[in-house]
């Protein structure tokens, strides 16, 4: 498969995700590719009107791409509340690809909290407006589920996220 073929497939995937948002679909779809995850998260941010939250290990730059960073900065400019939480080092901060406005939204968990949540299998996740969601089902394979409109599951994710976010500290202070 050529790079051009792969790019066409990714654009088709993006169009399918946009259609799910347009339809307000509650369908859960599988995802395990970093490129798919980047598209899902970018579209979640683009469609967010009020809030976007995400909990990640390191914010893998294959997922948290410059396009995602740009979408986050645009969301902040639209007065969308953005809250990001990492377990470890935030790679987009380390490699300089995170805009300063987005950087201010990042919190980090302490090592003791990270060890404690590993015992209860808290999944890495993202949620927009308490409706759209992406949640990793298996942290080893990075397999995940996505839905454009599932407020029941999304509200549970946001509730867990809120508790964890309250335990985090500003990334630069960590």
C-alpha atoms as a PDB file:
ATOM      1  CA  UNK A   1       0.000   0.000   0.000  1.00  0.00           C
ATOM      2  CA  UNK A   2       1.410   3.399  -0.943  1.00  0.00           C
ATOM      3  CA  UNK A   3       1.486   6.466   1.273  1.00  0.00           C
ATOM      4  CA  UNK A   4      -1.114   8.058  -0.997  1.00  0.00           C
ATOM      5  CA  UNK A   5      -3.383   5.009  -0.559  1.00  0.00           C
ATOM      6  CA  UNK A   6      -3.019   5.211   3.213  1.00  0.00           C
ATOM      7  CA  UNK A   7      -3.738   8.942   3.185  1.00  0.00           C
ATOM      8  CA  UNK A   8      -6.922   8.316   1.163  1.00  0.00           C
ATOM      9  CA  UNK A   9      -8.016   5.644   3.657  1.00  0.00           C
ATOM     10  CA  UNK A  10      -7.393   8.008   6.569  1.00  0.00           C
ATOM     11  CA  UNK A  11      -9.426  10.746   4.869  1.00  0.00           C
ATOM     12  CA  UNK A  12     -12.238   8.247   4.284  1.00  0.00           C
ATOM     13  CA  UNK A  13     -12.041   7.266   7.971  1.00  0.00           C
ATOM     14  CA  UNK A  14     -12.268  10.965   8.939  1.00  0.00           C
ATOM     15  CA  UNK A  15     -15.345  11.412   6.729  1.00  0.00           C
ATOM     16  CA  UNK A  16     -16.965   8.376   8.374  1.00  0.00           C
ATOM     17  CA  UNK A  17     -16.264   9.839  11.840  1.00  0.00           C
ATOM     18  CA  UNK A  18     -17.741  13.194  10.787  1.00  0.00           C
ATOM     19  CA  UNK A  19     -20.848  11.335   9.580  1.00  0.00           C
ATOM     20  CA  UNK A  20     -21.192   9.664  12.992  1.00  0.00           C
ATOM     21  CA  UNK A  21     -21.129  13.099  14.634  1.00  0.00           C
ATOM     22  CA  UNK A  22     -23.621  14.515  12.119  1.00  0.00           C
ATOM     23  CA  UNK A  23     -25.996  11.592  12.719  1.00  0.00           C
ATOM     24  CA  UNK A  24     -25.568  11.787  16.506  1.00  0.00           C
ATOM     25  CA  UNK A  25     -24.730   8.100  16.397  1.00  0.00           C
ATOM     26  CA  UNK A  26     -24.342   6.214  19.680  1.00  0.00           C
ATOM     27  CA  UNK A  27     -22.660   3.305  17.867  1.00  0.00           C
ATOM     28  CA  UNK A  28     -19.450   2.101  19.517  1.00  0.00           C
ATOM     29  CA  UNK A  29     -16.687   1.552  16.978  1.00  0.00           C
ATOM     30  CA  UNK A  30     -13.321  -0.134  17.477  1.00  0.00           C
ATOM     31  CA  UNK A  31     -10.040   1.694  17.182  1.00  0.00           C
ATOM     32  CA  UNK A  32      -6.429   0.676  17.832  1.00  0.00           C
ATOM     33  CA  UNK A  33      -4.389   2.651  15.296  1.00  0.00           C
ATOM     34  CA  UNK A  34      -2.619   5.822  16.503  1.00  0.00           C
ATOM     35  CA  UNK A  35      -3.655   7.558  13.258  1.00  0.00           C
ATOM     36  CA  UNK A  36      -7.284   6.629  13.866  1.00  0.00           C
ATOM     37  CA  UNK A  37      -7.021   7.805  17.479  1.00  0.00           C
ATOM     38  CA  UNK A  38      -5.617  11.146  16.297  1.00  0.00           C
ATOM     39  CA  UNK A  39      -8.545  11.601  13.910  1.00  0.00           C
ATOM     40  CA  UNK A  40     -11.081  10.641  16.582  1.00  0.00           C
ATOM     41  CA  UNK A  41      -9.624  12.999  19.174  1.00  0.00           C
ATOM     42  CA  UNK A  42      -9.265  15.848  16.691  1.00  0.00           C
ATOM     43  CA  UNK A  43     -12.889  15.465  15.598  1.00  0.00           C
ATOM     44  CA  UNK A  44     -14.043  15.243  19.221  1.00  0.00           C
ATOM     45  CA  UNK A  45     -12.280  18.538  19.944  1.00  0.00           C
ATOM     46  CA  UNK A  46     -13.633  20.176  16.779  1.00  0.00           C
ATOM     47  CA  UNK A  47     -17.188  19.134  17.700  1.00  0.00           C
ATOM     48  CA  UNK A  48     -16.908  20.130  21.379  1.00  0.00           C
ATOM     49  CA  UNK A  49     -18.980  23.171  22.233  1.00  0.00           C
ATOM     50  CA  UNK A  50     -18.472  23.338  25.996  1.00  0.00           C
ATOM     51  CA  UNK A  51     -15.816  20.936  27.249  1.00  0.00           C
ATOM     52  CA  UNK A  52     -13.136  18.443  26.292  1.00  0.00           C
ATOM     53  CA  UNK A  53     -11.261  16.243  28.759  1.00  0.00           C
ATOM     54  CA  UNK A  54      -8.598  13.603  28.213  1.00  0.00           C
ATOM     55  CA  UNK A  55      -6.556  11.283  30.419  1.00  0.00           C
ATOM     56  CA  UNK A  56      -3.408   9.817  28.861  1.00  0.00           C
ATOM     57  CA  UNK A  57      -0.173   8.156  29.857  1.00  0.00           C
ATOM     58  CA  UNK A  58       2.327  10.378  28.029  1.00  0.00           C
ATOM     59  CA  UNK A  59       0.222  11.928  25.242  1.00  0.00           C
ATOM     60  CA  UNK A  60       1.848   9.931  22.444  1.00  0.00           C
ATOM     61  CA  UNK A  61       2.832  12.362  19.633  1.00  0.00           C
ATOM     62  CA  UNK A  62       1.470   9.878  17.071  1.00  0.00           C
ATOM     63  CA  UNK A  63      -1.960  10.547  18.577  1.00  0.00           C
ATOM     64  CA  UNK A  64      -1.534  14.066  19.946  1.00  0.00           C
ATOM     65  CA  UNK A  65      -0.402  15.437  16.595  1.00  0.00           C
ATOM     66  CA  UNK A  66       0.150  19.079  15.593  1.00  0.00           C
ATOM     67  CA  UNK A  67      -3.357  18.957  14.048  1.00  0.00           C
ATOM     68  CA  UNK A  68      -4.822  17.852  17.387  1.00  0.00           C
ATOM     69  CA  UNK A  69      -2.837  20.570  19.185  1.00  0.00           C
ATOM     70  CA  UNK A  70      -4.171  23.146  16.733  1.00  0.00           C
ATOM     71  CA  UNK A  71      -7.739  21.897  17.295  1.00  0.00           C
ATOM     72  CA  UNK A  72      -7.224  22.194  21.070  1.00  0.00           C
ATOM     73  CA  UNK A  73      -5.928  25.762  20.732  1.00  0.00           C
ATOM     74  CA  UNK A  74      -8.898  26.610  18.483  1.00  0.00           C
ATOM     75  CA  UNK A  75     -11.273  25.080  21.040  1.00  0.00           C
ATOM     76  CA  UNK A  76      -9.812  27.271  23.762  1.00  0.00           C
ATOM     77  CA  UNK A  77     -10.329  30.290  21.492  1.00  0.00           C
ATOM     78  CA  UNK A  78     -14.001  29.220  21.191  1.00  0.00           C
ATOM     79  CA  UNK A  79     -14.227  29.191  25.031  1.00  0.00           C
ATOM     80  CA  UNK A  80     -14.361  25.393  25.223  1.00  0.00           C
ATOM     81  CA  UNK A  81     -13.072  24.234  28.611  1.00  0.00           C
ATOM     82  CA  UNK A  82     -10.097  21.941  27.936  1.00  0.00           C
ATOM     83  CA  UNK A  83      -8.648  19.770  30.711  1.00  0.00           C
ATOM     84  CA  UNK A  84      -5.829  17.301  30.041  1.00  0.00           C
ATOM     85  CA  UNK A  85      -4.352  14.861  32.540  1.00  0.00           C
ATOM     86  CA  UNK A  86      -1.199  12.767  32.130  1.00  0.00           C
ATOM     87  CA  UNK A  87       0.336  10.011  34.216  1.00  0.00           C
ATOM     88  CA  UNK A  88       3.901  10.616  33.146  1.00  0.00           C
ATOM     89  CA  UNK A  89       5.918  13.026  31.081  1.00  0.00           C
ATOM     90  CA  UNK A  90       3.841  14.972  28.577  1.00  0.00           C
ATOM     91  CA  UNK A  91       5.702  14.359  25.318  1.00  0.00           C
ATOM     92  CA  UNK A  92       4.104  17.244  23.348  1.00  0.00           C
ATOM     93  CA  UNK A  93       5.404  19.624  26.028  1.00  0.00           C
ATOM     94  CA  UNK A  94       8.835  17.976  26.017  1.00  0.00           C
ATOM     95  CA  UNK A  95       9.159  18.088  22.234  1.00  0.00           C
ATOM     96  CA  UNK A  96       7.786  21.622  21.957  1.00  0.00           C
ATOM     97  CA  UNK A  97       4.708  20.837  19.845  1.00  0.00           C
ATOM     98  CA  UNK A  98       2.118  21.929  22.409  1.00  0.00           C
ATOM     99  CA  UNK A  99       0.887  25.535  22.191  1.00  0.00           C
ATOM    100  CA  UNK A 100       1.273  27.543  25.390  1.00  0.00           C
ATOM    101  CA  UNK A 101      -2.500  28.024  25.707  1.00  0.00           C
ATOM    102  CA  UNK A 102      -2.977  24.236  25.699  1.00  0.00           C
ATOM    103  CA  UNK A 103       0.001  23.653  28.002  1.00  0.00           C
ATOM    104  CA  UNK A 104      -1.801  25.591  30.737  1.00  0.00           C
ATOM    105  CA  UNK A 105      -4.584  22.969  30.645  1.00  0.00           C
ATOM    106  CA  UNK A 106      -2.304  20.010  31.475  1.00  0.00           C
ATOM    107  CA  UNK A 107      -2.112  18.429  34.908  1.00  0.00           C
ATOM    108  CA  UNK A 108       0.029  15.510  36.036  1.00  0.00           C
ATOM    109  CA  UNK A 109      -0.716  12.804  38.580  1.00  0.00           C
ATOM    110  CA  UNK A 110       1.817  11.993  41.267  1.00  0.00           C
ATOM    111  CA  UNK A 111       3.557   8.611  41.234  1.00  0.00           C
ATOM    112  CA  UNK A 112       1.602   7.349  44.265  1.00  0.00           C
ATOM    113  CA  UNK A 113      -1.727   8.113  42.598  1.00  0.00           C
ATOM    114  CA  UNK A 114      -0.586   6.468  39.343  1.00  0.00           C
ATOM    115  CA  UNK A 115       0.359   3.300  41.233  1.00  0.00           C
ATOM    116  CA  UNK A 116      -2.972   3.306  43.058  1.00  0.00           C
ATOM    117  CA  UNK A 117      -5.087   3.702  39.918  1.00  0.00           C
ATOM    118  CA  UNK A 118      -3.217   0.873  38.181  1.00  0.00           C
ATOM    119  CA  UNK A 119      -4.739  -1.471  40.748  1.00  0.00           C
ATOM    120  CA  UNK A 120      -8.265  -0.472  39.705  1.00  0.00           C
ATOM    121  CA  UNK A 121      -7.741  -0.397  35.918  1.00  0.00           C
ATOM    122  CA  UNK A 122      -8.615   3.224  35.191  1.00  0.00           C
ATOM    123  CA  UNK A 123      -8.533   3.524  31.413  1.00  0.00           C
ATOM    124  CA  UNK A 124      -7.014   6.260  29.325  1.00  0.00           C
ATOM    125  CA  UNK A 125      -9.872   8.177  27.761  1.00  0.00           C
ATOM    126  CA  UNK A 126     -11.175  11.328  26.130  1.00  0.00           C
ATOM    127  CA  UNK A 127     -14.609  12.894  26.246  1.00  0.00           C
ATOM    128  CA  UNK A 128     -16.214  15.857  24.492  1.00  0.00           C
ATOM    129  CA  UNK A 129     -19.213  17.724  25.915  1.00  0.00           C
ATOM    130  CA  UNK A 130     -20.134  14.711  28.050  1.00  0.00           C
ATOM    131  CA  UNK A 131     -21.311  12.969  24.851  1.00  0.00           C
ATOM    132  CA  UNK A 132     -18.518  11.797  22.564  1.00  0.00           C
ATOM    133  CA  UNK A 133     -15.924   9.424  23.958  1.00  0.00           C
ATOM    134  CA  UNK A 134     -12.859   7.352  23.242  1.00  0.00           C
ATOM    135  CA  UNK A 135     -11.807   4.880  25.895  1.00  0.00           C
ATOM    136  CA  UNK A 136      -8.935   2.403  25.783  1.00  0.00           C
ATOM    137  CA  UNK A 137     -10.205  -1.044  26.578  1.00  0.00           C
ATOM    138  CA  UNK A 138      -6.768  -2.689  26.702  1.00  0.00           C
ATOM    139  CA  UNK A 139      -3.756  -0.567  27.653  1.00  0.00           C
ATOM    140  CA  UNK A 140      -1.302  -3.101  26.253  1.00  0.00           C
ATOM    141  CA  UNK A 141      -2.755  -3.272  22.744  1.00  0.00           C
ATOM    142  CA  UNK A 142      -4.189   0.265  22.859  1.00  0.00           C
ATOM    143  CA  UNK A 143      -7.468  -1.096  21.527  1.00  0.00           C
ATOM    144  CA  UNK A 144     -10.231   1.392  22.152  1.00  0.00           C
ATOM    145  CA  UNK A 145     -13.896   2.142  21.615  1.00  0.00           C
ATOM    146  CA  UNK A 146     -15.307   5.394  20.242  1.00  0.00           C
ATOM    147  CA  UNK A 147     -18.792   6.854  20.133  1.00  0.00           C
ATOM    148  CA  UNK A 148     -19.884  10.239  18.808  1.00  0.00           C
ATOM    149  CA  UNK A 149     -22.911  10.381  21.101  1.00  0.00           C
ATOM    150  CA  UNK A 150     -23.161   8.213  24.189  1.00  0.00           C
ATOM    151  CA  UNK A 151     -23.950  10.500  27.145  1.00  0.00           C
ATOM    152  CA  UNK A 152     -24.539   7.584  29.537  1.00  0.00           C
ATOM    153  CA  UNK A 153     -21.008   6.224  29.239  1.00  0.00           C
ATOM    154  CA  UNK A 154     -19.462   9.668  28.662  1.00  0.00           C
ATOM    155  CA  UNK A 155     -20.925  11.061  31.898  1.00  0.00           C
ATOM    156  CA  UNK A 156     -19.343   8.187  33.838  1.00  0.00           C
ATOM    157  CA  UNK A 157     -15.994   8.894  32.183  1.00  0.00           C
ATOM    158  CA  UNK A 158     -16.228  12.580  33.050  1.00  0.00           C
ATOM    159  CA  UNK A 159     -17.089  11.758  36.669  1.00  0.00           C
ATOM    160  CA  UNK A 160     -14.010   9.529  37.031  1.00  0.00           C
ATOM    161  CA  UNK A 161     -11.896  12.098  35.175  1.00  0.00           C
ATOM    162  CA  UNK A 162     -13.065  14.898  37.492  1.00  0.00           C
ATOM    163  CA  UNK A 163     -11.921  12.930  40.540  1.00  0.00           C
ATOM    164  CA  UNK A 164      -8.520  12.195  39.007  1.00  0.00           C
ATOM    165  CA  UNK A 165      -8.062  15.739  37.698  1.00  0.00           C
ATOM    166  CA  UNK A 166      -8.647  17.065  41.212  1.00  0.00           C
ATOM    167  CA  UNK A 167      -5.681  14.952  42.391  1.00  0.00           C
ATOM    168  CA  UNK A 168      -3.372  16.279  39.678  1.00  0.00           C
ATOM    169  CA  UNK A 169      -1.059  19.255  39.840  1.00  0.00           C
ATOM    170  CA  UNK A 170      -0.189  21.767  37.142  1.00  0.00           C
ATOM    171  CA  UNK A 171       2.254  20.036  34.806  1.00  0.00           C
ATOM    172  CA  UNK A 172       4.951  22.657  35.217  1.00  0.00           C
ATOM    173  CA  UNK A 173       4.678  22.385  39.004  1.00  0.00           C
ATOM    174  CA  UNK A 174       5.030  18.585  39.020  1.00  0.00           C
END
